[in-house]
Amino acid sequence: MTLLHNINRALQRRRNSTWHAMGYDTSVRLTTAADADAVALLTQTVFHNNTNVNVINSLRQACNNCISLVAEQHGKIVGHILFAPATLEQSGNTPLMALATMAVSNVLQHHGIGSALVRAGLELCRQQSITAVVVLGPASYYSRFGFVPAVNFNIHSPVQALGNTFMLLPLVEAALQGKGGKVLYLDAFTAL
C-alpha cells in the first residue's frame, strides 16, 4: 500500500474526530492537485511573499511521501500544513518528518484551525510509524502539542532562525535512544 492510500484510509476512519469537526463548518482533509492554486494564494497572502509557496511546490515535486493537509471552511481553503521527510545525519534509517510550513488565513487565526492541522498531521505521522517530527518555530506555540527542544535528544538543526526554537516531538521515543546529530532536510528547505 502507498502512503497516500494509508492516509486516505486513516482519514476515512477518523471522519468524526475532533480535527474533522471543529465547528464553523470547518474540516481537515488531504490536499488534492485541485487545491494547488488556493494553497499558493493562501500561503502567499499569509507570508507576504512567494518563498513558502516555492518551498511547498519544490517539496511536492521532490518526494511523494509528504503529508499535505488543508482546512476547509464553507468550501474555501483557510489553512494548509505540509510535513516532509527528513533524516538524521548519522542514522539515516530513523524516519523523521519535518513540519515544513503552515498557513492559516489571517482573519481566522486563533480559532483552532492551525492546531487542528498540526494534530491531524501528527496523527498521520504516528500511523505511518514516523519516529519523530521536527519543527523550527516558536516554542510557545509548538510546546502545546508536546514538542520539546530537540537538543534534549542531542538532535540539532542545520539552520537557526531568530525567535524560533528547533523542536522535536518523539512519536516512538525508544527509537531515539542512542541517536543524535544533525537533521538533514530535503534540498527544497534551503529556500526558507
N, C-alpha and C. Protein backbone atom coordinates (compact mmCIF):
# COMPACT_ATOMS: atom_id res chain seq x y z
N MET A 1 0.83 -1.19 0.00
CA MET A 1 0.00 0.00 0.00
C MET A 1 0.86 1.25 0.00
N THR A 2 0.41 2.27 -0.67
CA THR A 2 1.17 3.50 -0.71
C THR A 2 0.85 4.37 0.49
N LEU A 3 1.71 5.34 0.76
CA LEU A 3 1.50 6.29 1.85
C LEU A 3 0.17 7.00 1.65
N LEU A 4 -0.10 7.45 0.43
CA LEU A 4 -1.34 8.18 0.16
C LEU A 4 -2.56 7.31 0.45
N HIS A 5 -2.51 6.04 0.05
CA HIS A 5 -3.61 5.13 0.33
C HIS A 5 -3.82 4.98 1.83
N ASN A 6 -2.73 4.81 2.59
CA ASN A 6 -2.83 4.68 4.04
C ASN A 6 -3.40 5.94 4.68
N ILE A 7 -2.99 7.10 4.21
CA ILE A 7 -3.51 8.35 4.75
C ILE A 7 -4.99 8.48 4.46
N ASN A 8 -5.39 8.17 3.23
CA ASN A 8 -6.81 8.23 2.88
C ASN A 8 -7.63 7.31 3.77
N ARG A 9 -7.14 6.10 4.00
CA ARG A 9 -7.86 5.17 4.88
C ARG A 9 -7.94 5.72 6.29
N ALA A 10 -6.85 6.30 6.78
CA ALA A 10 -6.85 6.87 8.13
C ALA A 10 -7.84 8.02 8.24
N LEU A 11 -7.89 8.86 7.22
CA LEU A 11 -8.84 9.98 7.25
C LEU A 11 -10.27 9.47 7.22
N GLN A 12 -10.53 8.44 6.45
CA GLN A 12 -11.88 7.88 6.40
C GLN A 12 -12.30 7.34 7.77
N ARG A 13 -11.36 6.69 8.47
CA ARG A 13 -11.67 6.15 9.80
C ARG A 13 -11.89 7.26 10.81
N ARG A 14 -11.26 8.41 10.60
CA ARG A 14 -11.30 9.49 11.58
C ARG A 14 -12.30 10.59 11.21
N ARG A 15 -13.22 10.35 10.31
CA ARG A 15 -14.14 11.37 9.80
C ARG A 15 -14.83 12.16 10.91
N ASN A 16 -15.20 11.51 12.01
CA ASN A 16 -15.93 12.20 13.07
C ASN A 16 -15.05 12.66 14.21
N SER A 17 -13.75 12.65 14.02
CA SER A 17 -12.84 13.07 15.09
C SER A 17 -12.87 14.58 15.26
N THR A 18 -12.29 15.05 16.35
CA THR A 18 -12.34 16.48 16.65
C THR A 18 -11.64 17.31 15.60
N TRP A 19 -10.64 16.74 14.92
CA TRP A 19 -9.98 17.54 13.91
C TRP A 19 -10.71 17.57 12.59
N HIS A 20 -11.83 16.87 12.50
CA HIS A 20 -12.67 16.97 11.32
C HIS A 20 -13.98 17.69 11.62
N ALA A 21 -14.26 17.94 12.86
CA ALA A 21 -15.49 18.62 13.22
C ALA A 21 -15.17 19.75 14.19
N MET A 22 -14.48 20.78 13.68
CA MET A 22 -14.03 21.87 14.53
C MET A 22 -15.09 22.94 14.71
N GLY A 23 -16.22 22.81 14.11
CA GLY A 23 -17.23 23.86 14.16
C GLY A 23 -17.03 24.80 13.00
N TYR A 24 -17.89 25.76 12.89
CA TYR A 24 -17.82 26.76 11.82
C TYR A 24 -17.77 26.09 10.44
N ASP A 25 -18.35 24.90 10.33
CA ASP A 25 -18.34 24.16 9.07
C ASP A 25 -16.91 24.01 8.54
N THR A 26 -15.98 23.71 9.44
CA THR A 26 -14.57 23.57 9.07
C THR A 26 -14.17 22.10 9.15
N SER A 27 -13.43 21.64 8.15
CA SER A 27 -12.94 20.27 8.16
C SER A 27 -11.50 20.26 7.67
N VAL A 28 -10.80 19.18 8.01
CA VAL A 28 -9.43 18.97 7.58
C VAL A 28 -9.42 17.77 6.66
N ARG A 29 -8.73 17.90 5.54
CA ARG A 29 -8.65 16.79 4.59
C ARG A 29 -7.31 16.84 3.88
N LEU A 30 -7.01 15.75 3.16
CA LEU A 30 -5.80 15.70 2.35
C LEU A 30 -5.88 16.73 1.23
N THR A 31 -4.76 17.30 0.90
CA THR A 31 -4.67 18.23 -0.22
C THR A 31 -4.77 17.45 -1.52
N THR A 32 -5.46 18.03 -2.49
CA THR A 32 -5.54 17.43 -3.82
C THR A 32 -4.85 18.35 -4.82
N ALA A 33 -4.61 17.86 -6.01
CA ALA A 33 -4.00 18.67 -7.06
C ALA A 33 -4.84 19.91 -7.36
N ALA A 34 -6.15 19.78 -7.23
CA ALA A 34 -7.04 20.92 -7.50
C ALA A 34 -6.89 22.04 -6.47
N ASP A 35 -6.25 21.77 -5.34
CA ASP A 35 -6.06 22.77 -4.29
C ASP A 35 -4.82 23.64 -4.49
N ALA A 36 -3.99 23.32 -5.45
CA ALA A 36 -2.68 23.97 -5.58
C ALA A 36 -2.78 25.50 -5.65
N ASP A 37 -3.66 26.02 -6.48
CA ASP A 37 -3.76 27.49 -6.61
C ASP A 37 -4.25 28.13 -5.33
N ALA A 38 -5.24 27.53 -4.68
CA ALA A 38 -5.78 28.09 -3.44
C ALA A 38 -4.74 28.04 -2.32
N VAL A 39 -3.98 26.95 -2.24
CA VAL A 39 -2.92 26.84 -1.23
C VAL A 39 -1.84 27.89 -1.50
N ALA A 40 -1.47 28.07 -2.76
CA ALA A 40 -0.45 29.07 -3.11
C ALA A 40 -0.92 30.47 -2.75
N LEU A 41 -2.16 30.81 -3.06
CA LEU A 41 -2.69 32.14 -2.74
C LEU A 41 -2.75 32.36 -1.24
N LEU A 42 -3.24 31.37 -0.51
CA LEU A 42 -3.30 31.48 0.95
C LEU A 42 -1.90 31.68 1.54
N THR A 43 -0.96 30.86 1.11
CA THR A 43 0.40 30.92 1.65
C THR A 43 1.07 32.24 1.31
N GLN A 44 0.91 32.71 0.09
CA GLN A 44 1.48 34.00 -0.32
C GLN A 44 0.87 35.13 0.49
N THR A 45 -0.42 35.08 0.74
CA THR A 45 -1.10 36.13 1.50
C THR A 45 -0.64 36.14 2.95
N VAL A 46 -0.51 34.97 3.56
CA VAL A 46 -0.11 34.89 4.97
C VAL A 46 1.33 35.33 5.16
N PHE A 47 2.24 34.91 4.27
CA PHE A 47 3.66 35.20 4.44
C PHE A 47 4.14 36.43 3.67
N HIS A 48 3.28 37.03 2.86
CA HIS A 48 3.59 38.25 2.10
C HIS A 48 4.75 38.09 1.13
N ASN A 49 4.97 36.85 0.68
CA ASN A 49 5.99 36.59 -0.34
C ASN A 49 5.74 35.21 -0.92
N ASN A 50 6.55 34.83 -1.89
CA ASN A 50 6.38 33.52 -2.53
C ASN A 50 7.37 32.47 -2.05
N THR A 51 8.20 32.80 -1.08
CA THR A 51 9.22 31.86 -0.62
C THR A 51 8.60 30.54 -0.17
N ASN A 52 7.61 30.59 0.70
CA ASN A 52 6.98 29.37 1.20
C ASN A 52 6.21 28.64 0.11
N VAL A 53 5.63 29.38 -0.82
CA VAL A 53 4.93 28.76 -1.95
C VAL A 53 5.93 27.96 -2.78
N ASN A 54 7.10 28.53 -3.03
CA ASN A 54 8.14 27.83 -3.79
C ASN A 54 8.62 26.58 -3.05
N VAL A 55 8.74 26.67 -1.72
CA VAL A 55 9.17 25.52 -0.93
C VAL A 55 8.13 24.40 -1.02
N ILE A 56 6.85 24.77 -0.88
CA ILE A 56 5.78 23.78 -0.97
C ILE A 56 5.83 23.08 -2.33
N ASN A 57 5.92 23.85 -3.39
CA ASN A 57 5.96 23.27 -4.73
C ASN A 57 7.19 22.39 -4.92
N SER A 58 8.34 22.84 -4.44
CA SER A 58 9.57 22.05 -4.57
C SER A 58 9.49 20.74 -3.79
N LEU A 59 8.93 20.80 -2.57
CA LEU A 59 8.81 19.59 -1.77
C LEU A 59 7.86 18.59 -2.41
N ARG A 60 6.77 19.07 -2.95
CA ARG A 60 5.82 18.17 -3.62
C ARG A 60 6.46 17.49 -4.82
N GLN A 61 7.32 18.22 -5.53
CA GLN A 61 8.00 17.64 -6.69
C GLN A 61 9.11 16.69 -6.27
N ALA A 62 9.75 16.98 -5.14
CA ALA A 62 10.90 16.19 -4.70
C ALA A 62 10.54 14.85 -4.07
N CYS A 63 9.35 14.75 -3.51
CA CYS A 63 9.01 13.50 -2.84
C CYS A 63 7.51 13.23 -2.94
N ASN A 64 7.18 11.96 -2.91
CA ASN A 64 5.77 11.61 -2.98
C ASN A 64 5.22 11.15 -1.64
N ASN A 65 6.00 11.29 -0.58
CA ASN A 65 5.51 10.88 0.72
C ASN A 65 5.41 12.03 1.72
N CYS A 66 5.19 13.24 1.20
CA CYS A 66 4.85 14.37 2.06
C CYS A 66 3.43 14.18 2.57
N ILE A 67 3.14 14.74 3.71
CA ILE A 67 1.77 14.78 4.22
C ILE A 67 1.31 16.22 4.08
N SER A 68 0.33 16.44 3.25
CA SER A 68 -0.17 17.78 2.96
C SER A 68 -1.67 17.79 3.24
N LEU A 69 -2.08 18.67 4.14
CA LEU A 69 -3.48 18.77 4.55
C LEU A 69 -3.97 20.20 4.39
N VAL A 70 -5.26 20.33 4.14
CA VAL A 70 -5.88 21.65 4.11
C VAL A 70 -7.04 21.67 5.09
N ALA A 71 -7.31 22.86 5.61
CA ALA A 71 -8.53 23.12 6.38
C ALA A 71 -9.46 23.87 5.45
N GLU A 72 -10.69 23.42 5.42
CA GLU A 72 -11.66 23.99 4.51
C GLU A 72 -12.85 24.49 5.32
N GLN A 73 -13.32 25.69 5.00
CA GLN A 73 -14.46 26.27 5.70
C GLN A 73 -15.44 26.80 4.65
N HIS A 74 -16.66 26.31 4.70
CA HIS A 74 -17.68 26.71 3.72
C HIS A 74 -17.17 26.56 2.29
N GLY A 75 -16.41 25.49 2.03
CA GLY A 75 -15.91 25.22 0.69
C GLY A 75 -14.68 26.00 0.29
N LYS A 76 -14.14 26.80 1.19
CA LYS A 76 -12.95 27.61 0.89
C LYS A 76 -11.77 27.14 1.74
N ILE A 77 -10.59 27.04 1.12
CA ILE A 77 -9.39 26.64 1.86
C ILE A 77 -8.92 27.80 2.73
N VAL A 78 -8.86 27.53 4.05
CA VAL A 78 -8.49 28.57 5.01
C VAL A 78 -7.22 28.21 5.77
N GLY A 79 -6.66 27.02 5.52
CA GLY A 79 -5.43 26.62 6.18
C GLY A 79 -4.74 25.51 5.41
N HIS A 80 -3.43 25.42 5.59
CA HIS A 80 -2.64 24.38 4.93
C HIS A 80 -1.44 24.04 5.80
N ILE A 81 -1.08 22.77 5.80
CA ILE A 81 0.11 22.32 6.50
C ILE A 81 0.80 21.26 5.65
N LEU A 82 2.12 21.23 5.72
CA LEU A 82 2.90 20.27 4.95
C LEU A 82 4.00 19.69 5.83
N PHE A 83 4.05 18.37 5.89
CA PHE A 83 5.12 17.64 6.57
C PHE A 83 5.94 16.95 5.49
N ALA A 84 7.27 17.04 5.59
CA ALA A 84 8.14 16.42 4.60
C ALA A 84 9.16 15.52 5.29
N PRO A 85 9.59 14.46 4.61
CA PRO A 85 10.57 13.54 5.19
C PRO A 85 11.90 14.24 5.49
N ALA A 86 12.53 13.77 6.55
CA ALA A 86 13.87 14.22 6.93
C ALA A 86 14.58 13.01 7.54
N THR A 87 15.88 13.13 7.72
CA THR A 87 16.66 12.05 8.31
C THR A 87 17.67 12.62 9.29
N LEU A 88 18.24 11.73 10.08
CA LEU A 88 19.36 12.11 10.94
C LEU A 88 20.65 11.82 10.19
N GLU A 89 21.56 12.75 10.24
CA GLU A 89 22.82 12.63 9.50
C GLU A 89 23.54 11.32 9.80
N GLN A 90 23.55 10.91 11.06
CA GLN A 90 24.30 9.72 11.44
C GLN A 90 23.43 8.47 11.56
N SER A 91 22.12 8.63 11.38
CA SER A 91 21.20 7.50 11.50
C SER A 91 20.14 7.61 10.42
N GLY A 92 20.52 7.40 9.19
CA GLY A 92 19.63 7.58 8.06
C GLY A 92 18.41 6.69 8.04
N ASN A 93 18.41 5.64 8.87
CA ASN A 93 17.27 4.73 8.90
C ASN A 93 16.23 5.13 9.95
N THR A 94 16.37 6.32 10.52
CA THR A 94 15.41 6.82 11.50
C THR A 94 14.40 7.71 10.78
N PRO A 95 13.17 7.22 10.58
CA PRO A 95 12.20 8.01 9.81
C PRO A 95 11.68 9.22 10.60
N LEU A 96 11.98 10.39 10.08
CA LEU A 96 11.52 11.65 10.67
C LEU A 96 10.63 12.37 9.67
N MET A 97 9.82 13.26 10.18
CA MET A 97 9.09 14.21 9.34
C MET A 97 9.40 15.59 9.88
N ALA A 98 9.50 16.54 8.97
CA ALA A 98 9.70 17.93 9.34
C ALA A 98 8.43 18.69 9.02
N LEU A 99 7.92 19.42 10.00
CA LEU A 99 6.79 20.28 9.73
C LEU A 99 7.36 21.43 8.92
N ALA A 100 7.06 21.40 7.64
CA ALA A 100 7.73 22.31 6.70
C ALA A 100 7.13 23.70 6.71
N THR A 101 5.83 23.79 6.57
CA THR A 101 5.19 25.09 6.51
C THR A 101 3.73 24.94 6.89
N MET A 102 3.21 25.98 7.53
CA MET A 102 1.80 26.01 7.89
C MET A 102 1.29 27.42 7.68
N ALA A 103 0.11 27.54 7.13
CA ALA A 103 -0.50 28.85 6.93
C ALA A 103 -1.98 28.75 7.26
N VAL A 104 -2.47 29.75 7.97
CA VAL A 104 -3.90 29.88 8.27
C VAL A 104 -4.31 31.29 7.89
N SER A 105 -5.46 31.41 7.25
CA SER A 105 -5.97 32.72 6.84
C SER A 105 -5.83 33.74 7.97
N ASN A 106 -5.32 34.91 7.65
CA ASN A 106 -5.08 35.94 8.66
C ASN A 106 -6.32 36.26 9.47
N VAL A 107 -7.49 36.25 8.86
CA VAL A 107 -8.72 36.62 9.58
C VAL A 107 -9.26 35.47 10.43
N LEU A 108 -8.71 34.28 10.29
CA LEU A 108 -9.20 33.12 11.05
C LEU A 108 -8.17 32.57 12.02
N GLN A 109 -7.05 33.28 12.19
CA GLN A 109 -6.06 32.81 13.15
C GLN A 109 -6.62 32.91 14.57
N HIS A 110 -6.13 32.06 15.45
CA HIS A 110 -6.56 31.98 16.85
C HIS A 110 -7.98 31.41 16.99
N HIS A 111 -8.38 30.60 16.02
CA HIS A 111 -9.67 29.91 16.08
C HIS A 111 -9.51 28.40 16.11
N GLY A 112 -8.29 27.91 16.29
CA GLY A 112 -8.06 26.47 16.40
C GLY A 112 -7.78 25.76 15.09
N ILE A 113 -7.76 26.49 13.98
CA ILE A 113 -7.53 25.85 12.68
C ILE A 113 -6.11 25.33 12.58
N GLY A 114 -5.14 26.14 12.96
CA GLY A 114 -3.74 25.69 12.94
C GLY A 114 -3.53 24.50 13.84
N SER A 115 -4.11 24.53 15.03
CA SER A 115 -3.98 23.40 15.96
C SER A 115 -4.58 22.14 15.38
N ALA A 116 -5.73 22.27 14.72
CA ALA A 116 -6.36 21.10 14.10
C ALA A 116 -5.48 20.52 13.00
N LEU A 117 -4.86 21.39 12.21
CA LEU A 117 -3.97 20.93 11.15
C LEU A 117 -2.76 20.20 11.74
N VAL A 118 -2.16 20.76 12.78
CA VAL A 118 -1.00 20.13 13.41
C VAL A 118 -1.39 18.77 13.97
N ARG A 119 -2.49 18.72 14.72
CA ARG A 119 -2.91 17.45 15.33
C ARG A 119 -3.22 16.38 14.28
N ALA A 120 -3.89 16.78 13.20
CA ALA A 120 -4.21 15.82 12.14
C ALA A 120 -2.93 15.30 11.49
N GLY A 121 -1.99 16.20 11.22
CA GLY A 121 -0.72 15.78 10.62
C GLY A 121 0.07 14.87 11.53
N LEU A 122 0.10 15.19 12.82
CA LEU A 122 0.82 14.34 13.77
C LEU A 122 0.19 12.96 13.87
N GLU A 123 -1.13 12.90 13.84
CA GLU A 123 -1.82 11.61 13.88
C GLU A 123 -1.44 10.76 12.66
N LEU A 124 -1.38 11.38 11.50
CA LEU A 124 -1.00 10.64 10.29
C LEU A 124 0.46 10.21 10.37
N CYS A 125 1.33 11.04 10.95
CA CYS A 125 2.73 10.64 11.15
C CYS A 125 2.82 9.42 12.06
N ARG A 126 2.03 9.42 13.13
CA ARG A 126 2.02 8.26 14.04
C ARG A 126 1.58 7.00 13.30
N GLN A 127 0.55 7.13 12.50
CA GLN A 127 0.04 5.97 11.77
C GLN A 127 1.04 5.46 10.74
N GLN A 128 1.97 6.28 10.32
CA GLN A 128 2.99 5.87 9.36
C GLN A 128 4.28 5.41 10.06
N SER A 129 4.24 5.26 11.38
CA SER A 129 5.38 4.80 12.19
C SER A 129 6.58 5.72 12.07
N ILE A 130 6.33 7.02 11.96
CA ILE A 130 7.40 8.01 11.96
C ILE A 130 7.97 8.09 13.37
N THR A 131 9.29 8.12 13.51
CA THR A 131 9.94 8.14 14.82
C THR A 131 9.72 9.46 15.54
N ALA A 132 9.84 10.57 14.82
CA ALA A 132 9.72 11.89 15.45
C ALA A 132 9.40 12.93 14.38
N VAL A 133 8.85 14.05 14.85
CA VAL A 133 8.58 15.18 13.97
C VAL A 133 9.40 16.35 14.50
N VAL A 134 10.05 17.07 13.60
CA VAL A 134 10.84 18.24 13.98
C VAL A 134 10.21 19.49 13.37
N VAL A 135 10.45 20.61 14.05
CA VAL A 135 9.95 21.90 13.55
C VAL A 135 10.86 23.01 14.07
N LEU A 136 11.04 24.00 13.25
CA LEU A 136 11.74 25.21 13.66
C LEU A 136 10.68 26.29 13.79
N GLY A 137 10.34 26.63 15.02
CA GLY A 137 9.26 27.59 15.23
C GLY A 137 9.20 28.04 16.67
N PRO A 138 8.19 28.84 17.00
CA PRO A 138 8.08 29.37 18.36
C PRO A 138 7.71 28.29 19.38
N ALA A 139 8.53 28.17 20.40
CA ALA A 139 8.28 27.18 21.45
C ALA A 139 6.94 27.43 22.13
N SER A 140 6.54 28.68 22.24
CA SER A 140 5.27 29.00 22.90
C SER A 140 4.08 28.38 22.18
N TYR A 141 4.20 28.16 20.88
CA TYR A 141 3.11 27.55 20.12
C TYR A 141 3.24 26.03 20.07
N TYR A 142 4.40 25.53 19.68
CA TYR A 142 4.54 24.10 19.43
C TYR A 142 4.64 23.25 20.70
N SER A 143 4.98 23.84 21.83
CA SER A 143 5.05 23.06 23.07
C SER A 143 3.68 22.52 23.47
N ARG A 144 2.59 23.17 23.05
CA ARG A 144 1.24 22.69 23.41
C ARG A 144 0.93 21.33 22.80
N PHE A 145 1.69 20.95 21.76
CA PHE A 145 1.48 19.64 21.12
C PHE A 145 2.46 18.59 21.64
N GLY A 146 3.30 18.98 22.59
CA GLY A 146 4.28 18.05 23.15
C GLY A 146 5.69 18.20 22.59
N PHE A 147 5.91 19.17 21.69
CA PHE A 147 7.25 19.40 21.17
C PHE A 147 8.14 19.94 22.29
N VAL A 148 9.37 19.48 22.31
CA VAL A 148 10.38 19.93 23.26
C VAL A 148 11.63 20.30 22.48
N PRO A 149 12.54 21.06 23.10
CA PRO A 149 13.78 21.38 22.38
C PRO A 149 14.48 20.09 21.93
N ALA A 150 14.83 20.04 20.65
CA ALA A 150 15.46 18.84 20.09
C ALA A 150 16.80 18.55 20.74
N VAL A 151 17.44 19.58 21.27
CA VAL A 151 18.73 19.39 21.93
C VAL A 151 18.60 18.42 23.11
N ASN A 152 17.38 18.29 23.67
CA ASN A 152 17.15 17.32 24.75
C ASN A 152 17.45 15.89 24.29
N PHE A 153 17.39 15.67 22.99
CA PHE A 153 17.68 14.35 22.42
C PHE A 153 19.02 14.35 21.68
N ASN A 154 19.81 15.40 21.89
CA ASN A 154 21.09 15.57 21.21
C ASN A 154 20.90 15.62 19.69
N ILE A 155 19.80 16.22 19.26
CA ILE A 155 19.47 16.38 17.85
C ILE A 155 19.48 17.86 17.54
N HIS A 156 20.11 18.22 16.42
CA HIS A 156 20.33 19.62 16.10
C HIS A 156 19.85 19.96 14.70
N SER A 157 19.53 21.23 14.53
CA SER A 157 19.10 21.73 13.23
C SER A 157 20.31 22.19 12.43
N PRO A 158 20.27 22.04 11.12
CA PRO A 158 21.35 22.58 10.30
C PRO A 158 21.23 24.09 10.11
N VAL A 159 20.09 24.66 10.51
CA VAL A 159 19.87 26.11 10.37
C VAL A 159 19.29 26.66 11.67
N GLN A 160 19.44 27.95 11.86
CA GLN A 160 18.84 28.63 13.01
C GLN A 160 18.09 29.85 12.51
N ALA A 161 17.08 30.24 13.25
CA ALA A 161 16.33 31.45 12.90
C ALA A 161 16.03 32.21 14.18
N LEU A 162 16.18 33.52 14.13
CA LEU A 162 15.93 34.35 15.30
C LEU A 162 14.49 34.18 15.76
N GLY A 163 14.32 34.06 17.07
CA GLY A 163 13.00 33.96 17.65
C GLY A 163 12.37 32.58 17.55
N ASN A 164 13.02 31.64 16.92
CA ASN A 164 12.49 30.30 16.78
C ASN A 164 13.38 29.29 17.49
N THR A 165 12.79 28.19 17.85
CA THR A 165 13.50 27.12 18.52
C THR A 165 13.35 25.85 17.69
N PHE A 166 14.42 25.08 17.58
CA PHE A 166 14.35 23.81 16.89
C PHE A 166 13.79 22.80 17.88
N MET A 167 12.63 22.26 17.56
CA MET A 167 11.91 21.41 18.49
C MET A 167 11.64 20.04 17.87
N LEU A 168 11.35 19.09 18.73
CA LEU A 168 11.13 17.71 18.31
C LEU A 168 9.98 17.13 19.13
N LEU A 169 9.15 16.36 18.47
CA LEU A 169 8.11 15.59 19.15
C LEU A 169 8.41 14.12 18.91
N PRO A 170 8.85 13.40 19.95
CA PRO A 170 9.11 11.97 19.75
C PRO A 170 7.79 11.22 19.63
N LEU A 171 7.65 10.44 18.59
CA LEU A 171 6.46 9.61 18.42
C LEU A 171 6.74 8.17 18.82
N VAL A 172 8.00 7.76 18.68
CA VAL A 172 8.48 6.46 19.14
C VAL A 172 9.76 6.76 19.91
N GLU A 173 9.59 7.16 21.17
CA GLU A 173 10.71 7.69 21.95
C GLU A 173 11.88 6.71 22.06
N ALA A 174 11.59 5.43 22.26
CA ALA A 174 12.66 4.45 22.41
C ALA A 174 13.54 4.39 21.15
N ALA A 175 12.96 4.70 20.01
CA ALA A 175 13.72 4.65 18.75
C ALA A 175 14.76 5.75 18.66
N LEU A 176 14.68 6.75 19.51
CA LEU A 176 15.66 7.84 19.50
C LEU A 176 16.83 7.60 20.45
N GLN A 177 16.73 6.59 21.30
CA GLN A 177 17.79 6.32 22.26
C GLN A 177 19.09 6.00 21.54
N GLY A 178 20.15 6.66 21.98
CA GLY A 178 21.47 6.42 21.41
C GLY A 178 21.69 7.07 20.06
N LYS A 179 20.72 7.84 19.60
CA LYS A 179 20.87 8.52 18.31
C LYS A 179 20.98 10.00 18.56
N GLY A 180 21.44 10.70 17.60
CA GLY A 180 21.57 12.14 17.73
C GLY A 180 22.22 12.68 16.48
N GLY A 181 22.59 13.93 16.54
CA GLY A 181 23.24 14.55 15.41
C GLY A 181 22.36 15.56 14.72
N LYS A 182 22.75 15.90 13.53
CA LYS A 182 22.07 16.94 12.77
C LYS A 182 20.96 16.33 11.90
N VAL A 183 19.84 17.06 11.83
CA VAL A 183 18.76 16.65 10.95
C VAL A 183 19.09 17.10 9.54
N LEU A 184 18.87 16.22 8.58
CA LEU A 184 19.08 16.55 7.18
C LEU A 184 17.72 16.74 6.52
N TYR A 185 17.50 17.94 6.00
CA TYR A 185 16.26 18.26 5.30
C TYR A 185 16.42 17.97 3.81
N LEU A 186 15.31 17.84 3.11
CA LEU A 186 15.34 17.80 1.65
C LEU A 186 15.86 19.13 1.15
N ASP A 187 16.48 19.13 -0.01
CA ASP A 187 17.08 20.35 -0.57
C ASP A 187 16.09 21.50 -0.72
N ALA A 188 14.83 21.21 -0.90
CA ALA A 188 13.82 22.26 -1.08
C ALA A 188 13.73 23.19 0.12
N PHE A 189 14.14 22.72 1.30
CA PHE A 189 14.08 23.55 2.50
C PHE A 189 15.06 24.71 2.47
N THR A 190 16.07 24.64 1.64
CA THR A 190 17.12 25.67 1.68
C THR A 190 16.58 27.05 1.34
N ALA A 191 15.42 27.13 0.71
CA ALA A 191 14.84 28.44 0.38
C ALA A 191 14.25 29.14 1.59
N LEU A 192 13.97 28.39 2.67
CA LEU A 192 13.35 29.01 3.85
C LEU A 192 14.33 29.81 4.66
